């Protein structure tokens, strides 16, 4: 009888031990799954900026990024803000297109005899569907090699369109510089 009780106790202990191992294994799996879900949600959440859902914020950031690239003379991506079907009017020039603009931008950035620096005042961003209109003023400072500077305010109106890849680009703009200061 003692042997039976001992076997029963061993069997009961073995069951408890085995059940504990299964519980521990199941618990570990649940914790691992929970950690993976939390990690995924955190990483996904970090990649989903609030700006992605807010076109005015995205557009403002794109304009500011362009200004920063231009002022740093980073020519590689200087045309990325503009759609290939761009048309624009700049006071004193005939209507221009994407190719003409990119040529002008690259020339301005490569010219060692002068430097341009842009400031930016965004007055308003209005979004309707896949189109947005931005009222703004670019403040351009042209500094020649001799150190003389000219500052111009360039009020304008930019029309952005959300592209198939979700990126906002300028498809039309008008700019009418005021007299240099």
Protein backbone atom coordinates (compact mmCIF):
# COMPACT_ATOMS: atom_id res chain seq x y z
CA UNK A 1 0.00 0.00 0.00
CA UNK A 2 2.85 2.36 0.84
CA UNK A 3 4.36 1.64 -2.55
CA UNK A 4 1.04 2.43 -4.26
CA UNK A 5 0.78 5.71 -2.37
CA UNK A 6 4.38 6.45 -3.24
CA UNK A 7 3.71 5.71 -6.93
CA UNK A 8 0.53 7.78 -6.78
CA UNK A 9 2.47 10.62 -5.18
CA UNK A 10 5.18 10.31 -7.84
CA UNK A 11 2.57 10.21 -10.57
CA UNK A 12 0.74 13.18 -9.06
CA UNK A 13 4.04 15.08 -8.73
CA UNK A 14 4.95 14.13 -12.30
CA UNK A 15 1.56 15.33 -13.53
CA UNK A 16 1.89 18.55 -11.57
CA UNK A 17 5.44 18.97 -12.88
CA UNK A 18 4.42 18.18 -16.46
CA UNK A 19 1.36 20.42 -16.18
CA UNK A 20 3.56 23.18 -14.77
CA UNK A 21 5.98 22.76 -17.66
CA UNK A 22 3.09 22.91 -20.16
CA UNK A 23 1.69 25.92 -18.34
CA UNK A 24 5.13 27.53 -18.31
CA UNK A 25 5.63 26.71 -22.00
CA UNK A 26 2.15 28.03 -22.89
CA UNK A 27 2.73 31.10 -20.72
CA UNK A 28 6.09 31.72 -22.37
CA UNK A 29 4.50 31.40 -25.80
CA UNK A 30 1.77 33.87 -24.81
CA UNK A 31 4.33 36.33 -23.46
CA UNK A 32 6.47 35.96 -26.60
CA UNK A 33 3.42 36.54 -28.79
CA UNK A 34 2.39 39.55 -26.70
CA UNK A 35 5.92 40.97 -26.90
CA UNK A 36 5.95 40.47 -30.68
CA UNK A 37 2.57 42.21 -31.01
CA UNK A 38 3.77 45.11 -28.85
CA UNK A 39 7.03 45.36 -30.80
CA UNK A 40 5.18 45.31 -34.14
CA UNK A 41 2.69 47.92 -32.95
CA UNK A 42 5.50 50.14 -31.66
CA UNK A 43 7.57 49.88 -34.84
CA UNK A 44 4.53 50.31 -37.07
CA UNK A 45 3.32 53.20 -34.97
CA UNK A 46 6.72 54.91 -35.20
CA UNK A 47 6.67 54.61 -38.97
CA UNK A 48 3.18 56.06 -39.19
CA UNK A 49 3.75 59.70 -38.39
CA UNK A 50 0.75 61.87 -37.64
CA UNK A 51 1.80 63.94 -40.64
CA UNK A 52 1.02 61.02 -42.96
CA UNK A 53 -2.67 61.58 -42.29
CA UNK A 54 -2.43 65.38 -42.33
CA UNK A 55 -1.75 66.75 -45.85
CA UNK A 56 -1.13 70.36 -44.73
CA UNK A 57 1.62 69.16 -42.39
CA UNK A 58 3.14 66.94 -45.09
CA UNK A 59 3.09 69.82 -47.59
CA UNK A 60 4.62 72.28 -45.13
CA UNK A 61 7.36 69.77 -44.33
CA UNK A 62 8.04 69.20 -48.05
CA UNK A 63 8.44 72.95 -48.64
CA UNK A 64 10.71 73.33 -45.62
CA UNK A 65 12.77 70.33 -46.69
CA UNK A 66 13.18 71.81 -50.18
CA UNK A 67 14.28 75.14 -48.66
CA UNK A 68 16.83 73.35 -46.46
CA UNK A 69 18.18 71.35 -49.43
CA UNK A 70 18.43 74.49 -51.57
CA UNK A 71 20.17 76.52 -48.86
CA UNK A 72 22.64 73.67 -48.28
CA UNK A 73 23.24 73.45 -52.07
CA UNK A 74 22.16 69.81 -52.13
CA UNK A 75 21.37 69.57 -55.85
CA UNK A 76 20.67 65.82 -56.11
CA UNK A 77 17.01 65.94 -55.08
CA UNK A 78 16.29 69.61 -55.69
CA UNK A 79 13.65 68.88 -58.35
CA UNK A 80 11.76 66.23 -56.32
CA UNK A 81 9.23 68.74 -55.00
CA UNK A 82 7.97 69.34 -58.54
CA UNK A 83 5.85 67.05 -60.73
CA UNK A 84 7.07 66.33 -64.26
CA UNK A 85 3.94 68.00 -65.66
CA UNK A 86 4.80 71.27 -63.88
CA UNK A 87 3.83 74.58 -65.46
CA UNK A 88 4.66 77.86 -63.77
CA UNK A 89 4.58 81.60 -64.20
CA UNK A 90 7.30 83.80 -62.78
CA UNK A 91 6.91 87.51 -63.36
CA UNK A 92 8.93 88.68 -66.35
CA UNK A 93 9.39 85.20 -67.86
CA UNK A 94 7.29 83.25 -70.34
CA UNK A 95 5.50 80.18 -68.98
CA UNK A 96 8.06 77.59 -67.85
CA UNK A 97 8.04 73.80 -67.30
CA UNK A 98 9.73 71.16 -65.15
CA UNK A 99 12.83 70.79 -67.35
CA UNK A 100 13.41 74.54 -67.49
CA UNK A 101 12.98 74.89 -63.74
CA UNK A 102 15.37 72.04 -62.94
CA UNK A 103 17.97 73.50 -65.31
CA UNK A 104 17.65 76.90 -63.58
CA UNK A 105 17.89 75.36 -60.10
CA UNK A 106 20.97 73.29 -60.90
CA UNK A 107 22.63 76.28 -62.56
CA UNK A 108 21.91 78.52 -59.55
CA UNK A 109 23.30 75.95 -57.11
CA UNK A 110 26.44 75.38 -59.18
CA UNK A 111 27.26 79.05 -59.80
CA UNK A 112 30.38 79.95 -57.74
CA UNK A 113 30.01 83.72 -58.38
CA UNK A 114 26.86 84.07 -56.31
CA UNK A 115 24.78 82.26 -53.75
CA UNK A 116 21.06 82.17 -53.10
CA UNK A 117 19.44 81.61 -49.76
CA UNK A 118 15.70 81.16 -49.27
CA UNK A 119 13.51 81.99 -46.32
CA UNK A 120 9.90 80.84 -46.27
CA UNK A 121 6.63 82.17 -44.90
CA UNK A 122 3.67 79.87 -45.44
CA UNK A 123 0.47 81.86 -45.11
CA UNK A 124 -2.12 79.20 -45.81
CA UNK A 125 -2.53 75.60 -46.96
CA UNK A 126 -5.94 74.60 -48.31
CA UNK A 127 -6.53 70.95 -49.18
CA UNK A 128 -9.40 69.52 -51.19
CA UNK A 129 -9.11 65.86 -52.10
CA UNK A 130 -5.90 65.27 -54.06
CA UNK A 131 -5.24 68.98 -54.66
CA UNK A 132 -3.83 71.61 -52.33
CA UNK A 133 -3.22 75.32 -52.70
CA UNK A 134 -0.49 77.06 -50.74
CA UNK A 135 -0.20 80.82 -50.36
CA UNK A 136 3.34 81.66 -49.42
CA UNK A 137 6.20 84.08 -49.69
CA UNK A 138 9.73 83.01 -50.49
CA UNK A 139 12.34 85.46 -49.24
CA UNK A 140 15.31 85.18 -51.56
CA UNK A 141 18.70 86.59 -50.70
CA UNK A 142 21.19 86.81 -53.54
CA UNK A 143 24.77 87.35 -52.40
CA UNK A 144 27.34 88.09 -55.05
CA UNK A 145 31.01 87.22 -54.82
CA UNK A 146 31.81 90.84 -53.89
CA UNK A 147 29.61 90.44 -50.78
CA UNK A 148 26.74 92.64 -51.98
CA UNK A 149 23.30 91.22 -51.26
CA UNK A 150 19.83 91.75 -52.66
CA UNK A 151 16.74 90.56 -50.80
CA UNK A 152 13.43 89.98 -52.58
CA UNK A 153 10.07 88.88 -51.27
CA UNK A 154 8.44 86.53 -53.78
CA UNK A 155 4.74 86.10 -52.94
CA UNK A 156 3.27 83.14 -54.72
CA UNK A 157 0.66 80.48 -55.05
CA UNK A 158 1.62 76.81 -55.34
CA UNK A 159 -0.77 74.08 -56.43
CA UNK A 160 0.12 70.62 -55.16
CA UNK A 161 -1.31 67.31 -56.32
CA UNK A 162 -1.10 64.01 -54.47
CA UNK A 163 0.65 61.59 -56.83
CA UNK A 164 -0.15 57.90 -57.29
CA UNK A 165 2.58 57.01 -54.75
CA UNK A 166 0.97 59.32 -52.16
CA UNK A 167 3.66 62.01 -52.45
CA UNK A 168 2.56 65.65 -52.76
CA UNK A 169 4.23 67.57 -55.61
CA UNK A 170 3.83 71.01 -57.14
CA UNK A 171 2.04 70.88 -60.49
CA UNK A 172 1.50 74.65 -60.93
CA UNK A 173 2.80 77.79 -59.35
CA UNK A 174 2.80 81.53 -59.81
CA UNK A 175 5.32 83.89 -58.28
CA UNK A 176 5.51 87.67 -58.52
CA UNK A 177 8.59 89.13 -56.84
CA UNK A 178 8.34 92.50 -55.22
CA UNK A 179 11.04 95.13 -55.80
CA UNK A 180 14.38 94.21 -54.18
CA UNK A 181 15.11 95.72 -50.78
